[in-house]
Amino acid sequence: MAPPSSLTIATQAVQRLVKEESYYHKEQAQQEARIKKLQDAIEAKDPELDSNAEYVLKQEQTALEETKKVFEPLVERIVKAVQTLEEAIAISESEGTASEEELKKAKEALAAGEKVSGLSEA
């Protein structure tokens, strides 16, 4: 089997980073929901809370802050991967080395990467 082309590798890199970014957004939403639920329970003095609820809340807030810190470097990596993919698409189109299917997947990944990184004009 032939090794994957540079276009395929660049496409898969952008797809993986976009997927990773979406997972971090889901994780952030889950953490925010847990924090809100815990804060509400503490404020209501819920009898089912254990004695270390304040500590757990602080740990959850720390985890949320760490998750938020991931986004900036991740977006930078997406921007670099998108630039690499743009170059790979241009080379493949000019040389005619990629199949239509491969170019279609690359352009879809490019659009998704641009949307996530804020590079798209839409």
PDB file of N, CA and C in Angstrom:
ATOM      1  N   MET A   1       0.844  -1.186   0.000  1.00  0.00           N
ATOM      2  CA  MET A   1       0.000   0.000   0.000  1.00  0.00           C
ATOM      3  C   MET A   1       0.888   1.248   0.000  1.00  0.00           C
ATOM      4  N   ALA A   2       0.526   2.217  -0.810  1.00  0.00           N
ATOM      5  CA  ALA A   2       1.309   3.441  -0.925  1.00  0.00           C
ATOM      6  C   ALA A   2       1.127   4.301   0.323  1.00  0.00           C
ATOM      7  N   PRO A   3       2.178   5.014   0.695  1.00  0.00           N
ATOM      8  CA  PRO A   3       2.041   5.899   1.856  1.00  0.00           C
ATOM      9  C   PRO A   3       1.061   7.031   1.540  1.00  0.00           C
ATOM     10  N   PRO A   4       0.410   7.569   2.563  1.00  0.00           N
ATOM     11  CA  PRO A   4      -0.552   8.647   2.310  1.00  0.00           C
ATOM     12  C   PRO A   4       0.161   9.889   1.756  1.00  0.00           C
ATOM     13  N   SER A   5      -0.534  10.597   0.921  1.00  0.00           N
ATOM     14  CA  SER A   5       0.038  11.805   0.322  1.00  0.00           C
ATOM     15  C   SER A   5       0.094  12.922   1.361  1.00  0.00           C
ATOM     16  N   SER A   6       0.859  13.954   1.036  1.00  0.00           N
ATOM     17  CA  SER A   6       0.952  15.095   1.955  1.00  0.00           C
ATOM     18  C   SER A   6      -0.411  15.775   2.103  1.00  0.00           C
ATOM     19  N   LEU A   7      -1.222  15.719   1.055  1.00  0.00           N
ATOM     20  CA  LEU A   7      -2.568  16.293   1.122  1.00  0.00           C
ATOM     21  C   LEU A   7      -3.431  15.511   2.121  1.00  0.00           C
ATOM     22  N   THR A   8      -3.350  14.204   2.060  1.00  0.00           N
ATOM     23  CA  THR A   8      -4.124  13.369   2.985  1.00  0.00           C
ATOM     24  C   THR A   8      -3.675  13.604   4.424  1.00  0.00           C
ATOM     25  N   ILE A   9      -2.390  13.680   4.636  1.00  0.00           N
ATOM     26  CA  ILE A   9      -1.856  13.906   5.985  1.00  0.00           C
ATOM     27  C   ILE A   9      -2.307  15.259   6.517  1.00  0.00           C
ATOM     28  N   ALA A  10      -2.215  16.295   5.686  1.00  0.00           N
ATOM     29  CA  ALA A  10      -2.634  17.640   6.108  1.00  0.00           C
ATOM     30  C   ALA A  10      -4.133  17.685   6.381  1.00  0.00           C
ATOM     31  N   THR A  11      -4.906  16.988   5.550  1.00  0.00           N
ATOM     32  CA  THR A  11      -6.364  16.936   5.743  1.00  0.00           C
ATOM     33  C   THR A  11      -6.701  16.276   7.076  1.00  0.00           C
ATOM     34  N   GLN A  12      -6.073  15.144   7.344  1.00  0.00           N
ATOM     35  CA  GLN A  12      -6.343  14.424   8.585  1.00  0.00           C
ATOM     36  C   GLN A  12      -5.905  15.225   9.814  1.00  0.00           C
ATOM     37  N   ALA A  13      -4.831  15.981   9.687  1.00  0.00           N
ATOM     38  CA  ALA A  13      -4.367  16.804  10.806  1.00  0.00           C
ATOM     39  C   ALA A  13      -5.404  17.868  11.156  1.00  0.00           C
ATOM     40  N   VAL A  14      -5.936  18.531  10.141  1.00  0.00           N
ATOM     41  CA  VAL A  14      -6.953  19.567  10.387  1.00  0.00           C
ATOM     42  C   VAL A  14      -8.213  18.938  10.970  1.00  0.00           C
ATOM     43  N   GLN A  15      -8.636  17.797  10.420  1.00  0.00           N
ATOM     44  CA  GLN A  15      -9.834  17.125  10.928  1.00  0.00           C
ATOM     45  C   GLN A  15      -9.659  16.749  12.402  1.00  0.00           C
ATOM     46  N   ARG A  16      -8.487  16.224  12.750  1.00  0.00           N
ATOM     47  CA  ARG A  16      -8.224  15.806  14.130  1.00  0.00           C
ATOM     48  C   ARG A  16      -8.246  17.009  15.068  1.00  0.00           C
ATOM     49  N   LEU A  17      -7.630  18.112  14.669  1.00  0.00           N
ATOM     50  CA  LEU A  17      -7.596  19.299  15.525  1.00  0.00           C
ATOM     51  C   LEU A  17      -8.980  19.921  15.691  1.00  0.00           C
ATOM     52  N   VAL A  18      -9.775  19.921  14.635  1.00  0.00           N
ATOM     53  CA  VAL A  18     -11.143  20.458  14.727  1.00  0.00           C
ATOM     54  C   VAL A  18     -11.972  19.593  15.675  1.00  0.00           C
ATOM     55  N   LYS A  19     -11.801  18.280  15.570  1.00  0.00           N
ATOM     56  CA  LYS A  19     -12.522  17.364  16.458  1.00  0.00           C
ATOM     57  C   LYS A  19     -12.071  17.569  17.910  1.00  0.00           C
ATOM     58  N   GLU A  20     -10.782  17.726  18.111  1.00  0.00           N
ATOM     59  CA  GLU A  20     -10.251  17.961  19.456  1.00  0.00           C
ATOM     60  C   GLU A  20     -10.830  19.243  20.047  1.00  0.00           C
ATOM     61  N   GLU A  21     -10.926  20.284  19.223  1.00  0.00           N
ATOM     62  CA  GLU A  21     -11.468  21.555  19.692  1.00  0.00           C
ATOM     63  C   GLU A  21     -12.928  21.402  20.101  1.00  0.00           C
ATOM     64  N   SER A  22     -13.691  20.624  19.336  1.00  0.00           N
ATOM     65  CA  SER A  22     -15.103  20.428  19.688  1.00  0.00           C
ATOM     66  C   SER A  22     -15.226  19.643  20.995  1.00  0.00           C
ATOM     67  N   TYR A  23     -14.344  18.684  21.223  1.00  0.00           N
ATOM     68  CA  TYR A  23     -14.363  17.932  22.478  1.00  0.00           C
ATOM     69  C   TYR A  23     -14.074  18.845  23.672  1.00  0.00           C
ATOM     70  N   TYR A  24     -13.138  19.763  23.506  1.00  0.00           N
ATOM     71  CA  TYR A  24     -12.841  20.691  24.598  1.00  0.00           C
ATOM     72  C   TYR A  24     -14.023  21.604  24.892  1.00  0.00           C
ATOM     73  N   HIS A  25     -14.757  22.002  23.856  1.00  0.00           N
ATOM     74  CA  HIS A  25     -15.958  22.821  24.091  1.00  0.00           C
ATOM     75  C   HIS A  25     -17.011  22.027  24.863  1.00  0.00           C
ATOM     76  N   LYS A  26     -17.174  20.751  24.513  1.00  0.00           N
ATOM     77  CA  LYS A  26     -18.117  19.903  25.249  1.00  0.00           C
ATOM     78  C   LYS A  26     -17.680  19.746  26.697  1.00  0.00           C
ATOM     79  N   GLU A  27     -16.393  19.509  26.891  1.00  0.00           N
ATOM     80  CA  GLU A  27     -15.860  19.355  28.250  1.00  0.00           C
ATOM     81  C   GLU A  27     -16.090  20.625  29.054  1.00  0.00           C
ATOM     82  N   GLN A  28     -15.859  21.781  28.440  1.00  0.00           N
ATOM     83  CA  GLN A  28     -16.061  23.053  29.125  1.00  0.00           C
ATOM     84  C   GLN A  28     -17.525  23.213  29.535  1.00  0.00           C
ATOM     85  N   ALA A  29     -18.438  22.884  28.661  1.00  0.00           N
ATOM     86  CA  ALA A  29     -19.866  23.003  28.970  1.00  0.00           C
ATOM     87  C   ALA A  29     -20.244  22.075  30.124  1.00  0.00           C
ATOM     88  N   GLN A  30     -19.700  20.857  30.119  1.00  0.00           N
ATOM     89  CA  GLN A  30     -19.986  19.916  31.205  1.00  0.00           C
ATOM     90  C   GLN A  30     -19.432  20.426  32.538  1.00  0.00           C
ATOM     91  N   GLN A  31     -18.229  20.969  32.505  1.00  0.00           N
ATOM     92  CA  GLN A  31     -17.630  21.492  33.729  1.00  0.00           C
ATOM     93  C   GLN A  31     -18.439  22.672  34.256  1.00  0.00           C
ATOM     94  N   GLU A  32     -18.864  23.552  33.373  1.00  0.00           N
ATOM     95  CA  GLU A  32     -19.662  24.705  33.805  1.00  0.00           C
ATOM     96  C   GLU A  32     -20.978  24.245  34.427  1.00  0.00           C
ATOM     97  N   ALA A  33     -21.591  23.213  33.855  1.00  0.00           N
ATOM     98  CA  ALA A  33     -22.843  22.689  34.400  1.00  0.00           C
ATOM     99  C   ALA A  33     -22.609  22.089  35.790  1.00  0.00           C
ATOM    100  N   ARG A  34     -21.519  21.325  35.959  1.00  0.00           N
ATOM    101  CA  ARG A  34     -21.217  20.739  37.275  1.00  0.00           C
ATOM    102  C   ARG A  34     -20.959  21.827  38.310  1.00  0.00           C
ATOM    103  N   ILE A  35     -20.242  22.871  37.920  1.00  0.00           N
ATOM    104  CA  ILE A  35     -19.946  23.969  38.841  1.00  0.00           C
ATOM    105  C   ILE A  35     -21.232  24.662  39.258  1.00  0.00           C
ATOM    106  N   LYS A  36     -22.104  24.958  38.289  1.00  0.00           N
ATOM    107  CA  LYS A  36     -23.370  25.626  38.612  1.00  0.00           C
ATOM    108  C   LYS A  36     -24.203  24.766  39.554  1.00  0.00           C
ATOM    109  N   LYS A  37     -24.289  23.475  39.262  1.00  0.00           N
ATOM    110  CA  LYS A  37     -25.066  22.562  40.106  1.00  0.00           C
ATOM    111  C   LYS A  37     -24.501  22.531  41.526  1.00  0.00           C
ATOM    112  N   LEU A  38     -23.185  22.466  41.629  1.00  0.00           N
ATOM    113  CA  LEU A  38     -22.546  22.427  42.948  1.00  0.00           C
ATOM    114  C   LEU A  38     -22.731  23.752  43.685  1.00  0.00           C
ATOM    115  N   GLN A  39     -22.603  24.861  42.980  1.00  0.00           N
ATOM    116  CA  GLN A  39     -22.814  26.174  43.605  1.00  0.00           C
ATOM    117  C   GLN A  39     -24.247  26.306  44.115  1.00  0.00           C
ATOM    118  N   ASP A  40     -25.194  25.870  43.301  1.00  0.00           N
ATOM    119  CA  ASP A  40     -26.600  25.932  43.715  1.00  0.00           C
ATOM    120  C   ASP A  40     -26.845  25.079  44.958  1.00  0.00           C
ATOM    121  N   ALA A  41     -26.239  23.892  44.985  1.00  0.00           N
ATOM    122  CA  ALA A  41     -26.414  22.999  46.130  1.00  0.00           C
ATOM    123  C   ALA A  41     -25.788  23.593  47.389  1.00  0.00           C
ATOM    124  N   ILE A  42     -24.638  24.228  47.239  1.00  0.00           N
ATOM    125  CA  ILE A  42     -23.972  24.852  48.394  1.00  0.00           C
ATOM    126  C   ILE A  42     -24.807  26.008  48.913  1.00  0.00           C
ATOM    127  N   GLU A  43     -25.316  26.848  47.983  1.00  0.00           N
ATOM    128  CA  GLU A  43     -26.142  27.987  48.390  1.00  0.00           C
ATOM    129  C   GLU A  43     -27.428  27.536  49.070  1.00  0.00           C
ATOM    130  N   ALA A  44     -27.997  26.428  48.636  1.00  0.00           N
ATOM    131  CA  ALA A  44     -29.236  25.916  49.210  1.00  0.00           C
ATOM    132  C   ALA A  44     -28.977  25.083  50.467  1.00  0.00           C
ATOM    133  N   LYS A  45     -27.697  24.927  50.802  1.00  0.00           N
ATOM    134  CA  LYS A  45     -27.291  24.122  51.955  1.00  0.00           C
ATOM    135  C   LYS A  45     -27.911  22.720  51.884  1.00  0.00           C
ATOM    136  N   ASP A  46     -27.745  22.107  50.736  1.00  0.00           N
ATOM    137  CA  ASP A  46     -28.258  20.763  50.476  1.00  0.00           C
ATOM    138  C   ASP A  46     -27.698  19.778  51.501  1.00  0.00           C
ATOM    139  N   PRO A  47     -28.567  19.055  52.224  1.00  0.00           N
ATOM    140  CA  PRO A  47     -28.083  18.121  53.246  1.00  0.00           C
ATOM    141  C   PRO A  47     -27.327  16.917  52.684  1.00  0.00           C
ATOM    142  N   GLU A  48     -27.461  16.667  51.378  1.00  0.00           N
ATOM    143  CA  GLU A  48     -26.768  15.536  50.769  1.00  0.00           C
ATOM    144  C   GLU A  48     -25.313  15.851  50.416  1.00  0.00           C
ATOM    145  N   LEU A  49     -24.911  17.113  50.539  1.00  0.00           N
ATOM    146  CA  LEU A  49     -23.529  17.487  50.246  1.00  0.00           C
ATOM    147  C   LEU A  49     -22.606  16.957  51.334  1.00  0.00           C
ATOM    148  N   ASP A  50     -21.429  16.538  50.932  1.00  0.00           N
ATOM    149  CA  ASP A  50     -20.473  16.117  51.944  1.00  0.00           C
ATOM    150  C   ASP A  50     -19.686  17.333  52.438  1.00  0.00           C
ATOM    151  N   SER A  51     -18.850  17.119  53.411  1.00  0.00           N
ATOM    152  CA  SER A  51     -18.171  18.236  54.076  1.00  0.00           C
ATOM    153  C   SER A  51     -17.127  18.914  53.193  1.00  0.00           C
ATOM    154  N   ASN A  52     -16.703  18.274  52.137  1.00  0.00           N
ATOM    155  CA  ASN A  52     -15.675  18.893  51.306  1.00  0.00           C
ATOM    156  C   ASN A  52     -16.240  19.487  50.005  1.00  0.00           C
ATOM    157  N   ALA A  53     -17.482  19.878  49.991  1.00  0.00           N
ATOM    158  CA  ALA A  53     -18.116  20.424  48.796  1.00  0.00           C
ATOM    159  C   ALA A  53     -17.416  21.694  48.324  1.00  0.00           C
ATOM    160  N   GLU A  54     -16.991  22.533  49.251  1.00  0.00           N
ATOM    161  CA  GLU A  54     -16.282  23.772  48.887  1.00  0.00           C
ATOM    162  C   GLU A  54     -14.973  23.435  48.170  1.00  0.00           C
ATOM    163  N   TYR A  55     -14.279  22.415  48.685  1.00  0.00           N
ATOM    164  CA  TYR A  55     -13.021  21.983  48.072  1.00  0.00           C
ATOM    165  C   TYR A  55     -13.274  21.429  46.668  1.00  0.00           C
ATOM    166  N   VAL A  56     -14.301  20.619  46.534  1.00  0.00           N
ATOM    167  CA  VAL A  56     -14.645  20.047  45.223  1.00  0.00           C
ATOM    168  C   VAL A  56     -14.991  21.166  44.241  1.00  0.00           C
ATOM    169  N   LEU A  57     -15.719  22.173  44.715  1.00  0.00           N
ATOM    170  CA  LEU A  57     -16.075  23.312  43.868  1.00  0.00           C
ATOM    171  C   LEU A  57     -14.812  24.020  43.383  1.00  0.00           C
ATOM    172  N   LYS A  58     -13.885  24.249  44.294  1.00  0.00           N
ATOM    173  CA  LYS A  58     -12.639  24.918  43.930  1.00  0.00           C
ATOM    174  C   LYS A  58     -11.859  24.081  42.901  1.00  0.00           C
ATOM    175  N   GLN A  59     -11.830  22.768  43.069  1.00  0.00           N
ATOM    176  CA  GLN A  59     -11.136  21.885  42.133  1.00  0.00           C
ATOM    177  C   GLN A  59     -11.808  21.931  40.749  1.00  0.00           C
ATOM    178  N   GLU A  60     -13.126  21.937  40.740  1.00  0.00           N
ATOM    179  CA  GLU A  60     -13.861  22.012  39.473  1.00  0.00           C
ATOM    180  C   GLU A  60     -13.576  23.343  38.764  1.00  0.00           C
ATOM    181  N   GLN A  61     -13.530  24.421  39.524  1.00  0.00           N
ATOM    182  CA  GLN A  61     -13.243  25.730  38.938  1.00  0.00           C
ATOM    183  C   GLN A  61     -11.823  25.768  38.374  1.00  0.00           C
ATOM    184  N   THR A  62     -10.882  25.146  39.070  1.00  0.00           N
ATOM    185  CA  THR A  62      -9.503  25.071  38.585  1.00  0.00           C
ATOM    186  C   THR A  62      -9.450  24.265  37.283  1.00  0.00           C
ATOM    187  N   ALA A  63     -10.156  23.153  37.248  1.00  0.00           N
ATOM    188  CA  ALA A  63     -10.188  22.322  36.036  1.00  0.00           C
ATOM    189  C   ALA A  63     -10.783  23.105  34.862  1.00  0.00           C
ATOM    190  N   LEU A  64     -11.822  23.898  35.138  1.00  0.00           N
ATOM    191  CA  LEU A  64     -12.444  24.707  34.089  1.00  0.00           C
ATOM    192  C   LEU A  64     -11.451  25.731  33.545  1.00  0.00           C
ATOM    193  N   GLU A  65     -10.718  26.381  34.426  1.00  0.00           N
ATOM    194  CA  GLU A  65      -9.721  27.368  33.994  1.00  0.00           C
ATOM    195  C   GLU A  65      -8.641  26.711  33.143  1.00  0.00           C
ATOM    196  N   GLU A  66      -8.227  25.506  33.514  1.00  0.00           N
ATOM    197  CA  GLU A  66      -7.220  24.787  32.732  1.00  0.00           C
ATOM    198  C   GLU A  66      -7.762  24.422  31.359  1.00  0.00           C
ATOM    199  N   THR A  67      -9.024  24.053  31.290  1.00  0.00           N
ATOM    200  CA  THR A  67      -9.642  23.735  30.004  1.00  0.00           C
ATOM    201  C   THR A  67      -9.677  24.984  29.119  1.00  0.00           C
ATOM    202  N   LYS A  68     -10.019  26.123  29.701  1.00  0.00           N
ATOM    203  CA  LYS A  68     -10.084  27.372  28.931  1.00  0.00           C
ATOM    204  C   LYS A  68      -8.710  27.759  28.385  1.00  0.00           C
ATOM    205  N   LYS A  69      -7.651  27.434  29.124  1.00  0.00           N
ATOM    206  CA  LYS A  69      -6.293  27.772  28.690  1.00  0.00           C
ATOM    207  C   LYS A  69      -5.850  26.953  27.483  1.00  0.00           C
ATOM    208  N   VAL A  70      -6.527  25.865  27.208  1.00  0.00           N
ATOM    209  CA  VAL A  70      -6.175  24.990  26.091  1.00  0.00           C
ATOM    210  C   VAL A  70      -6.537  25.628  24.750  1.00  0.00           C
ATOM    211  N   PHE A  71      -7.557  26.460  24.723  1.00  0.00           N
ATOM    212  CA  PHE A  71      -8.093  26.950  23.456  1.00  0.00           C
ATOM    213  C   PHE A  71      -7.117  27.803  22.646  1.00  0.00           C
ATOM    214  N   GLU A  72      -6.422  28.727  23.277  1.00  0.00           N
ATOM    215  CA  GLU A  72      -5.531  29.611  22.516  1.00  0.00           C
ATOM    216  C   GLU A  72      -4.438  28.837  21.772  1.00  0.00           C
ATOM    217  N   PRO A  73      -3.662  27.970  22.460  1.00  0.00           N
ATOM    218  CA  PRO A  73      -2.649  27.218  21.702  1.00  0.00           C
ATOM    219  C   PRO A  73      -3.266  26.242  20.690  1.00  0.00           C
ATOM    220  N   LEU A  74      -4.434  25.727  21.003  1.00  0.00           N
ATOM    221  CA  LEU A  74      -5.096  24.808  20.077  1.00  0.00           C
ATOM    222  C   LEU A  74      -5.498  25.538  18.798  1.00  0.00           C
ATOM    223  N   VAL A  75      -6.037  26.728  18.931  1.00  0.00           N
ATOM    224  CA  VAL A  75      -6.426  27.514  17.753  1.00  0.00           C
ATOM    225  C   VAL A  75      -5.185  27.875  16.936  1.00  0.00           C
ATOM    226  N   GLU A  76      -4.074  28.163  17.617  1.00  0.00           N
ATOM    227  CA  GLU A  76      -2.827  28.453  16.894  1.00  0.00           C
ATOM    228  C   GLU A  76      -2.396  27.232  16.072  1.00  0.00           C
ATOM    229  N   ARG A  77      -2.520  26.043  16.661  1.00  0.00           N
ATOM    230  CA  ARG A  77      -2.168  24.820  15.940  1.00  0.00           C
ATOM    231  C   ARG A  77      -3.111  24.596  14.764  1.00  0.00           C
ATOM    232  N   ILE A  78      -4.394  24.924  14.950  1.00  0.00           N
ATOM    233  CA  ILE A  78      -5.359  24.776  13.851  1.00  0.00           C
ATOM    234  C   ILE A  78      -5.002  25.732  12.711  1.00  0.00           C
ATOM    235  N   VAL A  79      -4.639  26.970  13.054  1.00  0.00           N
ATOM    236  CA  VAL A  79      -4.267  27.955  12.030  1.00  0.00           C
ATOM    237  C   VAL A  79      -3.075  27.448  11.217  1.00  0.00           C
ATOM    238  N   LYS A  80      -2.069  26.911  11.903  1.00  0.00           N
ATOM    239  CA  LYS A  80      -0.892  26.381  11.201  1.00  0.00           C
ATOM    240  C   LYS A  80      -1.272  25.188  10.316  1.00  0.00           C
ATOM    241  N   ALA A  81      -2.123  24.313  10.838  1.00  0.00           N
ATOM    242  CA  ALA A  81      -2.550  23.142  10.062  1.00  0.00           C
ATOM    243  C   ALA A  81      -3.363  23.571   8.848  1.00  0.00           C
ATOM    244  N   VAL A  82      -4.190  24.600   8.995  1.00  0.00           N
ATOM    245  CA  VAL A  82      -4.988  25.113   7.873  1.00  0.00           C
ATOM    246  C   VAL A  82      -4.065  25.691   6.803  1.00  0.00           C
ATOM    247  N   GLN A  83      -3.044  26.425   7.225  1.00  0.00           N
ATOM    248  CA  GLN A  83      -2.098  26.984   6.255  1.00  0.00           C
ATOM    249  C   GLN A  83      -1.374  25.869   5.498  1.00  0.00           C
ATOM    250  N   THR A  84      -0.975  24.836   6.220  1.00  0.00           N
ATOM    251  CA  THR A  84      -0.312  23.701   5.592  1.00  0.00           C
ATOM    252  C   THR A  84      -1.254  23.022   4.600  1.00  0.00           C
ATOM    253  N   LEU A  85      -2.514  22.871   4.995  1.00  0.00           N
ATOM    254  CA  LEU A  85      -3.501  22.247   4.113  1.00  0.00           C
ATOM    255  C   LEU A  85      -3.747  23.094   2.871  1.00  0.00           C
ATOM    256  N   GLU A  86      -3.817  24.412   3.033  1.00  0.00           N
ATOM    257  CA  GLU A  86      -4.003  25.295   1.878  1.00  0.00           C
ATOM    258  C   GLU A  86      -2.862  25.109   0.873  1.00  0.00           C
ATOM    259  N   GLU A  87      -1.637  25.031   1.409  1.00  0.00           N
ATOM    260  CA  GLU A  87      -0.475  24.832   0.543  1.00  0.00           C
ATOM    261  C   GLU A  87      -0.552  23.472  -0.152  1.00  0.00           C
ATOM    262  N   ALA A  88      -0.935  22.440   0.598  1.00  0.00           N
ATOM    263  CA  ALA A  88      -1.028  21.097   0.023  1.00  0.00           C
ATOM    264  C   ALA A  88      -2.104  21.035  -1.060  1.00  0.00           C
ATOM    265  N   ILE A  89      -3.216  21.729  -0.847  1.00  0.00           N
ATOM    266  CA  ILE A  89      -4.282  21.765  -1.855  1.00  0.00           C
ATOM    267  C   ILE A  89      -3.771  22.468  -3.116  1.00  0.00           C
ATOM    268  N   ALA A  90      -3.105  23.601  -2.930  1.00  0.00           N
ATOM    269  CA  ALA A  90      -2.593  24.350  -4.084  1.00  0.00           C
ATOM    270  C   ALA A  90      -1.591  23.513  -4.881  1.00  0.00           C
ATOM    271  N   ILE A  91      -0.712  22.831  -4.185  1.00  0.00           N
ATOM    272  CA  ILE A  91       0.286  21.989  -4.864  1.00  0.00           C
ATOM    273  C   ILE A  91      -0.405  20.844  -5.600  1.00  0.00           C
ATOM    274  N   SER A  92      -1.340  20.190  -4.918  1.00  0.00           N
ATOM    275  CA  SER A  92      -2.040  19.054  -5.536  1.00  0.00           C
ATOM    276  C   SER A  92      -2.845  19.485  -6.754  1.00  0.00           C
ATOM    277  N   GLU A  93      -3.485  20.650  -6.671  1.00  0.00           N
ATOM    278  CA  GLU A  93      -4.267  21.134  -7.813  1.00  0.00           C
ATOM    279  C   GLU A  93      -3.361  21.515  -8.981  1.00  0.00           C
ATOM    280  N   SER A  94      -2.236  22.157  -8.679  1.00  0.00           N
ATOM    281  CA  SER A  94      -1.348  22.586  -9.773  1.00  0.00           C
ATOM    282  C   SER A  94      -0.647  21.401 -10.424  1.00  0.00           C
ATOM    283  N   GLU A  95      -0.323  20.387  -9.625  1.00  0.00           N
ATOM    284  CA  GLU A  95       0.363  19.216 -10.173  1.00  0.00           C
ATOM    285  C   GLU A  95      -0.609  18.145 -10.655  1.00  0.00           C
ATOM    286  N   GLY A  96      -1.864  18.242 -10.239  1.00  0.00           N
ATOM    287  CA  GLY A  96      -2.869  17.258 -10.635  1.00  0.00           C
ATOM    288  C   GLY A  96      -2.620  15.884 -10.025  1.00  0.00           C
ATOM    289  N   THR A  97      -2.052  15.873  -8.818  1.00  0.00           N
ATOM    290  CA  THR A  97      -1.681  14.599  -8.190  1.00  0.00           C
ATOM    291  C   THR A  97      -2.766  13.999  -7.306  1.00  0.00           C
ATOM    292  N   ALA A  98      -3.779  14.770  -6.967  1.00  0.00           N
ATOM    293  CA  ALA A  98      -4.799  14.279  -6.038  1.00  0.00           C
ATOM    294  C   ALA A  98      -6.087  13.938  -6.780  1.00  0.00           C
ATOM    295  N   SER A  99      -6.807  12.945  -6.250  1.00  0.00           N
ATOM    296  CA  SER A  99      -8.101  12.590  -6.822  1.00  0.00           C
ATOM    297  C   SER A  99      -9.137  13.636  -6.443  1.00  0.00           C
ATOM    298  N   GLU A 100     -10.251  13.643  -7.146  1.00  0.00           N
ATOM    299  CA  GLU A 100     -11.334  14.580  -6.832  1.00  0.00           C
ATOM    300  C   GLU A 100     -11.852  14.359  -5.413  1.00  0.00           C
ATOM    301  N   GLU A 101     -11.962  13.091  -5.033  1.00  0.00           N
ATOM    302  CA  GLU A 101     -12.451  12.754  -3.682  1.00  0.00           C
ATOM    303  C   GLU A 101     -11.510  13.301  -2.613  1.00  0.00           C
ATOM    304  N   GLU A 102     -10.221  13.144  -2.839  1.00  0.00           N
ATOM    305  CA  GLU A 102      -9.214  13.621  -1.885  1.00  0.00           C
ATOM    306  C   GLU A 102      -9.266  15.150  -1.770  1.00  0.00           C
ATOM    307  N   LEU A 103      -9.400  15.819  -2.907  1.00  0.00           N
ATOM    308  CA  LEU A 103      -9.502  17.285  -2.898  1.00  0.00           C
ATOM    309  C   LEU A 103     -10.789  17.743  -2.213  1.00  0.00           C
ATOM    310  N   LYS A 104     -11.877  17.022  -2.439  1.00  0.00           N
ATOM    311  CA  LYS A 104     -13.154  17.378  -1.811  1.00  0.00           C
ATOM    312  C   LYS A 104     -13.031  17.292  -0.286  1.00  0.00           C
ATOM    313  N   LYS A 105     -12.460  16.186   0.212  1.00  0.00           N
ATOM    314  CA  LYS A 105     -12.271  16.022   1.661  1.00  0.00           C
ATOM    315  C   LYS A 105     -11.364  17.114   2.213  1.00  0.00           C
ATOM    316  N   ALA A 106     -10.310  17.435   1.471  1.00  0.00           N
ATOM    317  CA  ALA A 106      -9.369  18.464   1.909  1.00  0.00           C
ATOM    318  C   ALA A 106     -10.050  19.825   2.012  1.00  0.00           C
ATOM    319  N   LYS A 107     -10.879  20.148   1.022  1.00  0.00           N
ATOM    320  CA  LYS A 107     -11.560  21.443   1.032  1.00  0.00           C
ATOM    321  C   LYS A 107     -12.609  21.505   2.146  1.00  0.00           C
ATOM    322  N   GLU A 108     -13.269  20.390   2.437  1.00  0.00           N
ATOM    323  CA  GLU A 108     -14.222  20.352   3.551  1.00  0.00           C
ATOM    324  C   GLU A 108     -13.490  20.559   4.876  1.00  0.00           C
ATOM    325  N   ALA A 109     -12.350  19.879   5.033  1.00  0.00           N
ATOM    326  CA  ALA A 109     -11.558  20.031   6.249  1.00  0.00           C
ATOM    327  C   ALA A 109     -11.042  21.460   6.365  1.00  0.00           C
ATOM    328  N   LEU A 110     -10.649  22.044   5.235  1.00  0.00           N
ATOM    329  CA  LEU A 110     -10.171  23.426   5.217  1.00  0.00           C
ATOM    330  C   LEU A 110     -11.260  24.382   5.689  1.00  0.00           C
ATOM    331  N   ALA A 111     -12.476  24.200   5.187  1.00  0.00           N
ATOM    332  CA  ALA A 111     -13.596  25.052   5.589  1.00  0.00           C
ATOM    333  C   ALA A 111     -13.879  24.915   7.087  1.00  0.00           C
ATOM    334  N   ALA A 112     -13.855  23.680   7.591  1.00  0.00           N
ATOM    335  CA  ALA A 112     -14.095  23.454   9.021  1.00  0.00           C
ATOM    336  C   ALA A 112     -12.990  24.083   9.857  1.00  0.00           C
ATOM    337  N   GLY A 113     -11.760  23.942   9.415  1.00  0.00           N
ATOM    338  CA  GLY A 113     -10.634  24.526  10.143  1.00  0.00           C
ATOM    339  C   GLY A 113     -10.685  26.038  10.158  1.00  0.00           C
ATOM    340  N   GLU A 114     -11.056  26.627   9.028  1.00  0.00           N
ATOM    341  CA  GLU A 114     -11.169  28.089   8.955  1.00  0.00           C
ATOM    342  C   GLU A 114     -12.294  28.599   9.843  1.00  0.00           C
ATOM    343  N   LYS A 115     -13.382  27.862   9.892  1.00  0.00           N
ATOM    344  CA  LYS A 115     -14.521  28.266  10.730  1.00  0.00           C
ATOM    345  C   LYS A 115     -14.118  28.264  12.206  1.00  0.00           C
ATOM    346  N   VAL A 116     -13.462  27.198  12.639  1.00  0.00           N
ATOM    347  CA  VAL A 116     -13.056  27.069  14.043  1.00  0.00           C
ATOM    348  C   VAL A 116     -12.005  28.098  14.423  1.00  0.00           C
ATOM    349  N   SER A 117     -11.066  28.340  13.509  1.00  0.00           N
ATOM    350  CA  SER A 117      -9.955  29.247  13.827  1.00  0.00           C
ATOM    351  C   SER A 117     -10.312  30.716  13.610  1.00  0.00           C
ATOM    352  N   GLY A 118     -11.469  30.968  13.041  1.00  0.00           N
ATOM    353  CA  GLY A 118     -11.881  32.350  12.803  1.00  0.00           C
ATOM    354  C   GLY A 118     -11.278  32.938  11.550  1.00  0.00           C
ATOM    355  N   LEU A 119     -10.719  32.106  10.676  1.00  0.00           N
ATOM    356  CA  LEU A 119     -10.112  32.595   9.445  1.00  0.00           C
ATOM    357  C   LEU A 119     -11.117  32.843   8.332  1.00  0.00           C
ATOM    358  N   SER A 120     -12.288  32.210   8.445  1.00  0.00           N
ATOM    359  CA  SER A 120     -13.267  32.359   7.371  1.00  0.00           C
ATOM    360  C   SER A 120     -13.901  33.733   7.442  1.00  0.00           C
ATOM    361  N   GLU A 121     -14.346  34.195   6.311  1.00  0.00           N
ATOM    362  CA  GLU A 121     -14.933  35.542   6.236  1.00  0.00           C
ATOM    363  C   GLU A 121     -16.413  35.529   6.535  1.00  0.00           C
ATOM    364  N   ALA A 122     -16.999  34.351   6.627  1.00  0.00           N
ATOM    365  CA  ALA A 122     -18.457  34.248   6.864  1.00  0.00           C
ATOM    366  C   ALA A 122     -18.780  34.422   8.321  1.00  0.00           C
TER     367      ALA A 122
END
